[in-house]
C-alpha atoms as a PDB file:
ATOM      1  CA  MET A   1     222.040 284.439 -72.888  1.00  0.00           C
ATOM      2  CA  GLN A   2     225.346 283.747 -71.202  1.00  0.00           C
ATOM      3  CA  ASN A   3     228.354 282.675 -73.270  1.00  0.00           C
ATOM      4  CA  MET A   4     228.741 278.915 -72.720  1.00  0.00           C
ATOM      5  CA  SER A   5     232.505 279.182 -72.280  1.00  0.00           C
ATOM      6  CA  THR A   6     232.046 281.481 -69.283  1.00  0.00           C
ATOM      7  CA  ALA A   7     228.851 279.951 -67.876  1.00  0.00           C
ATOM      8  CA  ARG A   8     229.241 278.473 -64.407  1.00  0.00           C
ATOM      9  CA  VAL A   9     227.687 275.120 -63.652  1.00  0.00           C
ATOM     10  CA  LYS A  10     225.982 275.108 -60.279  1.00  0.00           C
ATOM     11  CA  SER A  11     227.795 272.639 -58.056  1.00  0.00           C
ATOM     12  CA  LEU A  12     226.567 270.630 -55.090  1.00  0.00           C
ATOM     13  CA  PRO A  13     228.000 271.775 -51.762  1.00  0.00           C
ATOM     14  CA  SER A  14     230.729 269.597 -50.269  1.00  0.00           C
ATOM     15  CA  SER A  15     228.452 268.560 -47.380  1.00  0.00           C
ATOM     16  CA  THR A  16     225.866 267.221 -49.867  1.00  0.00           C
ATOM     17  CA  ILE A  17     228.551 265.333 -51.808  1.00  0.00           C
ATOM     18  CA  GLN A  18     229.780 263.776 -48.555  1.00  0.00           C
ATOM     19  CA  GLU A  19     226.225 262.798 -47.620  1.00  0.00           C
ATOM     20  CA  LEU A  20     225.562 261.224 -51.036  1.00  0.00           C
ATOM     21  CA  LEU A  21     228.813 259.227 -50.941  1.00  0.00           C
ATOM     22  CA  ARG A  22     228.710 258.176 -47.271  1.00  0.00           C
ATOM     23  CA  GLY A  23     229.240 254.420 -47.108  1.00  0.00           C
ATOM     24  CA  LEU A  24     229.217 254.047 -50.906  1.00  0.00           C
ATOM     25  CA  LYS A  25     231.778 251.524 -52.145  1.00  0.00           C
ATOM     26  CA  LYS A  26     231.204 251.785 -55.880  1.00  0.00           C
ATOM     27  CA  PRO A  27     233.894 252.906 -58.331  1.00  0.00           C
ATOM     28  CA  VAL A  28     234.267 256.218 -60.115  1.00  0.00           C
ATOM     29  CA  ARG A  29     234.444 256.382 -63.891  1.00  0.00           C
ATOM     30  CA  LEU A  30     237.184 258.894 -64.654  1.00  0.00           C
ATOM     31  CA  ALA A  31     237.624 260.403 -68.112  1.00  0.00           C
ATOM     32  CA  SER A  32     240.966 261.760 -69.290  1.00  0.00           C
ATOM     33  CA  GLN A  33     242.060 263.004 -72.691  1.00  0.00           C
ATOM     34  CA  SER A  34     244.416 260.837 -74.734  1.00  0.00           C
ATOM     35  CA  PRO A  35     247.111 262.366 -76.937  1.00  0.00           C
ATOM     36  CA  ASN A  36     245.030 261.437 -79.998  1.00  0.00           C
ATOM     37  CA  GLY A  37     242.265 263.746 -78.698  1.00  0.00           C
ATOM     38  CA  PHE A  38     239.843 260.973 -77.796  1.00  0.00           C
ATOM     39  CA  PRO A  39     238.692 260.501 -74.205  1.00  0.00           C
ATOM     40  CA  LEU A  40     239.737 257.490 -72.163  1.00  0.00           C
ATOM     41  CA  ILE A  41     237.421 256.228 -69.420  1.00  0.00           C
ATOM     42  CA  SER A  42     239.010 254.451 -66.467  1.00  0.00           C
ATOM     43  CA  THR A  43     237.120 252.734 -63.652  1.00  0.00           C
ATOM     44  CA  LEU A  44     238.813 253.238 -60.285  1.00  0.00           C
ATOM     45  CA  TRP A  45     238.260 252.986 -56.581  1.00  0.00           C
ATOM     46  CA  PHE A  46     237.888 256.386 -54.994  1.00  0.00           C
ATOM     47  CA  LEU A  47     237.246 258.262 -51.805  1.00  0.00           C
ATOM     48  CA  TYR A  48     236.063 261.804 -51.169  1.00  0.00           C
ATOM     49  CA  HIS A  49     237.955 263.649 -48.447  1.00  0.00           C
ATOM     50  CA  ASP A  50     238.677 267.321 -47.718  1.00  0.00           C
ATOM     51  CA  ASP A  51     236.696 268.482 -50.792  1.00  0.00           C
ATOM     52  CA  HIS A  52     238.772 266.314 -53.156  1.00  0.00           C
ATOM     53  CA  PHE A  53     238.275 262.993 -54.886  1.00  0.00           C
ATOM     54  CA  TRP A  54     241.201 260.593 -54.424  1.00  0.00           C
ATOM     55  CA  CYS A  55     242.155 257.597 -56.574  1.00  0.00           C
ATOM     56  CA  ILE A  56     245.274 255.566 -57.318  1.00  0.00           C
ATOM     57  CA  THR A  57     246.855 254.436 -60.566  1.00  0.00           C
ATOM     58  CA  GLN A  58     250.035 252.699 -61.595  1.00  0.00           C
ATOM     59  CA  LYS A  59     252.910 254.524 -63.279  1.00  0.00           C
ATOM     60  CA  SER A  60     252.530 252.402 -66.434  1.00  0.00           C
ATOM     61  CA  THR A  61     248.848 253.226 -67.089  1.00  0.00           C
ATOM     62  CA  LEU A  62     247.478 255.308 -69.935  1.00  0.00           C
ATOM     63  CA  LEU A  63     245.470 257.222 -67.347  1.00  0.00           C
ATOM     64  CA  ARG A  64     248.618 258.377 -65.548  1.00  0.00           C
ATOM     65  CA  ARG A  65     250.203 259.401 -68.836  1.00  0.00           C
ATOM     66  CA  ASN A  66     247.069 261.280 -69.899  1.00  0.00           C
ATOM     67  CA  LEU A  67     246.705 263.160 -66.592  1.00  0.00           C
ATOM     68  CA  ALA A  68     250.405 264.021 -66.554  1.00  0.00           C
ATOM     69  CA  THR A  69     249.919 265.685 -69.944  1.00  0.00           C
ATOM     70  CA  ASN A  70     246.484 267.226 -69.355  1.00  0.00           C
ATOM     71  CA  ARG A  71     245.164 267.596 -65.803  1.00  0.00           C
ATOM     72  CA  LYS A  72     241.553 268.187 -66.906  1.00  0.00           C
ATOM     73  CA  CYS A  73     239.214 265.297 -66.219  1.00  0.00           C
ATOM     74  CA  ALA A  74     235.558 264.376 -65.815  1.00  0.00           C
ATOM     75  CA  PHE A  75     233.970 261.801 -63.558  1.00  0.00           C
ATOM     76  CA  GLU A  76     230.760 259.939 -62.822  1.00  0.00           C
ATOM     77  CA  ILE A  77     229.739 257.892 -59.796  1.00  0.00           C
ATOM     78  CA  ALA A  78     226.589 255.737 -59.732  1.00  0.00           C
ATOM     79  CA  LEU A  79     224.807 256.127 -56.416  1.00  0.00           C
ATOM     80  CA  GLY A  80     222.812 253.639 -54.369  1.00  0.00           C
ATOM     81  CA  GLU A  81     219.147 252.778 -54.875  1.00  0.00           C
ATOM     82  CA  ASP A  82     218.021 255.006 -52.005  1.00  0.00           C
ATOM     83  CA  ALA A  83     220.047 258.055 -53.028  1.00  0.00           C
ATOM     84  CA  LYS A  84     218.476 261.336 -54.061  1.00  0.00           C
ATOM     85  CA  TYR A  85     220.120 261.077 -57.513  1.00  0.00           C
ATOM     86  CA  LYS A  86     221.041 258.184 -59.784  1.00  0.00           C
ATOM     87  CA  VAL A  87     224.554 259.545 -60.384  1.00  0.00           C
ATOM     88  CA  ILE A  88     226.800 262.425 -59.571  1.00  0.00           C
ATOM     89  CA  ARG A  89     228.927 263.862 -62.357  1.00  0.00           C
ATOM     90  CA  GLY A  90     231.553 266.522 -62.476  1.00  0.00           C
ATOM     91  CA  GLN A  91     234.703 267.978 -63.886  1.00  0.00           C
ATOM     92  CA  GLY A  92     237.958 268.742 -62.170  1.00  0.00           C
ATOM     93  CA  THR A  93     241.703 269.036 -62.332  1.00  0.00           C
ATOM     94  CA  ALA A  94     243.927 266.159 -61.271  1.00  0.00           C
ATOM     95  CA  VAL A  95     247.299 266.179 -59.575  1.00  0.00           C
ATOM     96  CA  LEU A  96     249.481 263.056 -59.603  1.00  0.00           C
ATOM     97  CA  ASP A  97     251.721 262.369 -56.614  1.00  0.00           C
ATOM     98  CA  LEU A  98     253.968 259.311 -56.395  1.00  0.00           C
ATOM     99  CA  SER A  99     255.067 260.213 -52.850  1.00  0.00           C
ATOM    100  CA  ASP A 100     251.435 260.037 -51.618  1.00  0.00           C
ATOM    101  CA  GLY A 101     250.722 256.708 -53.333  1.00  0.00           C
ATOM    102  CA  GLU A 102     251.337 254.605 -50.228  1.00  0.00           C
ATOM    103  CA  ARG A 103     248.983 256.620 -48.011  1.00  0.00           C
ATOM    104  CA  VAL A 104     246.153 256.608 -50.554  1.00  0.00           C
ATOM    105  CA  THR A 105     246.677 252.921 -51.411  1.00  0.00           C
ATOM    106  CA  ASN A 106     246.274 252.035 -47.737  1.00  0.00           C
ATOM    107  CA  LEU A 107     243.105 254.158 -47.550  1.00  0.00           C
ATOM    108  CA  MET A 108     241.705 252.303 -50.580  1.00  0.00           C
ATOM    109  CA  ILE A 109     242.536 248.933 -49.026  1.00  0.00           C
ATOM    110  CA  ALA A 110     240.751 249.949 -45.816  1.00  0.00           C
ATOM    111  CA  ARG A 111     237.714 251.166 -47.783  1.00  0.00           C
ATOM    112  CA  TYR A 112     237.291 248.439 -50.409  1.00  0.00           C
ATOM    113  CA  ILE A 113     239.031 245.227 -49.271  1.00  0.00           C
ATOM    114  CA  SER A 114     237.237 243.052 -46.728  1.00  0.00           C
ATOM    115  CA  ASP A 115     240.476 241.267 -45.768  1.00  0.00           C
ATOM    116  CA  PRO A 116     243.170 243.955 -45.338  1.00  0.00           C
ATOM    117  CA  GLU A 117     245.854 241.266 -44.927  1.00  0.00           C
ATOM    118  CA  GLY A 118     244.633 238.998 -47.731  1.00  0.00           C
ATOM    119  CA  PRO A 119     246.129 238.350 -51.178  1.00  0.00           C
ATOM    120  CA  ILE A 120     244.529 241.335 -52.958  1.00  0.00           C
ATOM    121  CA  ALA A 121     245.697 243.752 -50.259  1.00  0.00           C
ATOM    122  CA  ARG A 122     249.196 242.235 -50.363  1.00  0.00           C
ATOM    123  CA  GLN A 123     249.297 242.607 -54.146  1.00  0.00           C
ATOM    124  CA  LEU A 124     248.244 246.259 -53.916  1.00  0.00           C
ATOM    125  CA  ARG A 125     250.883 246.960 -51.259  1.00  0.00           C
ATOM    126  CA  ALA A 126     253.540 245.298 -53.440  1.00  0.00           C
ATOM    127  CA  GLN A 127     252.752 247.855 -56.166  1.00  0.00           C
ATOM    128  CA  ILE A 128     253.178 250.893 -53.881  1.00  0.00           C
ATOM    129  CA  PRO A 129     256.638 251.887 -55.226  1.00  0.00           C
ATOM    130  CA  THR A 130     254.996 252.731 -58.599  1.00  0.00           C
ATOM    131  CA  GLU A 131     251.528 253.730 -57.346  1.00  0.00           C
ATOM    132  CA  TYR A 132     250.457 257.322 -57.902  1.00  0.00           C
ATOM    133  CA  ALA A 133     247.858 259.083 -55.802  1.00  0.00           C
ATOM    134  CA  ILE A 134     245.426 261.104 -57.917  1.00  0.00           C
ATOM    135  CA  ARG A 135     243.908 264.137 -56.178  1.00  0.00           C
ATOM    136  CA  ILE A 136     241.019 265.635 -58.118  1.00  0.00           C
ATOM    137  CA  ALA A 137     239.928 269.147 -57.245  1.00  0.00           C
ATOM    138  CA  PRO A 138     236.364 269.382 -58.520  1.00  0.00           C
ATOM    139  CA  ILE A 139     235.394 272.410 -60.568  1.00  0.00           C
ATOM    140  CA  TRP A 140     231.768 271.363 -60.318  1.00  0.00           C
ATOM    141  CA  VAL A 141     229.784 268.344 -59.143  1.00  0.00           C
ATOM    142  CA  ARG A 142     226.068 267.863 -59.696  1.00  0.00           C
ATOM    143  CA  GLY A 143     223.470 265.193 -59.155  1.00  0.00           C
ATOM    144  CA  GLN A 144     221.574 263.846 -62.130  1.00  0.00           C
ATOM    145  CA  GLY A 145     218.660 261.472 -62.542  1.00  0.00           C
ATOM    146  CA  TRP A 146     216.447 262.663 -59.692  1.00  0.00           C
ATOM    147  CA  ARG A 147     214.842 259.819 -57.735  1.00  0.00           C
ATOM    148  CA  SER A 148     211.462 260.324 -56.113  1.00  0.00           C
ATOM    149  CA  GLN A 149     211.623 259.437 -52.440  1.00  0.00           C
END
């Protein structure tokens, strides 16, 4: 039996992750570790690009503070009714980047907001000076809850 601390979790290939997430506009649930040792779950918009998950968060959030202290995170994304799996889950390491916040904010607006010039988009753009991009490099990603097709 393999030692659990060194066991590798089989991960889905990037092409499969892209296929599962294509057109999906649901949020990711991102877990970070708080200073008190308990996990914090945050629900965020995301996109998957160049083998990374991308999100945004404000400078003042507990999530940003947690990831600045401990880059390890876990995530879960519920998939659509016709998907091969019910959810994909994984673990990764996060990097925060204030200088990339504007680019990723604009990508999120394009992906999630039906009116890119409307009040919600304007509010998000007004927050750009304190908006951090979160780039998550997955360690592993797997599908769970097999759906019969």
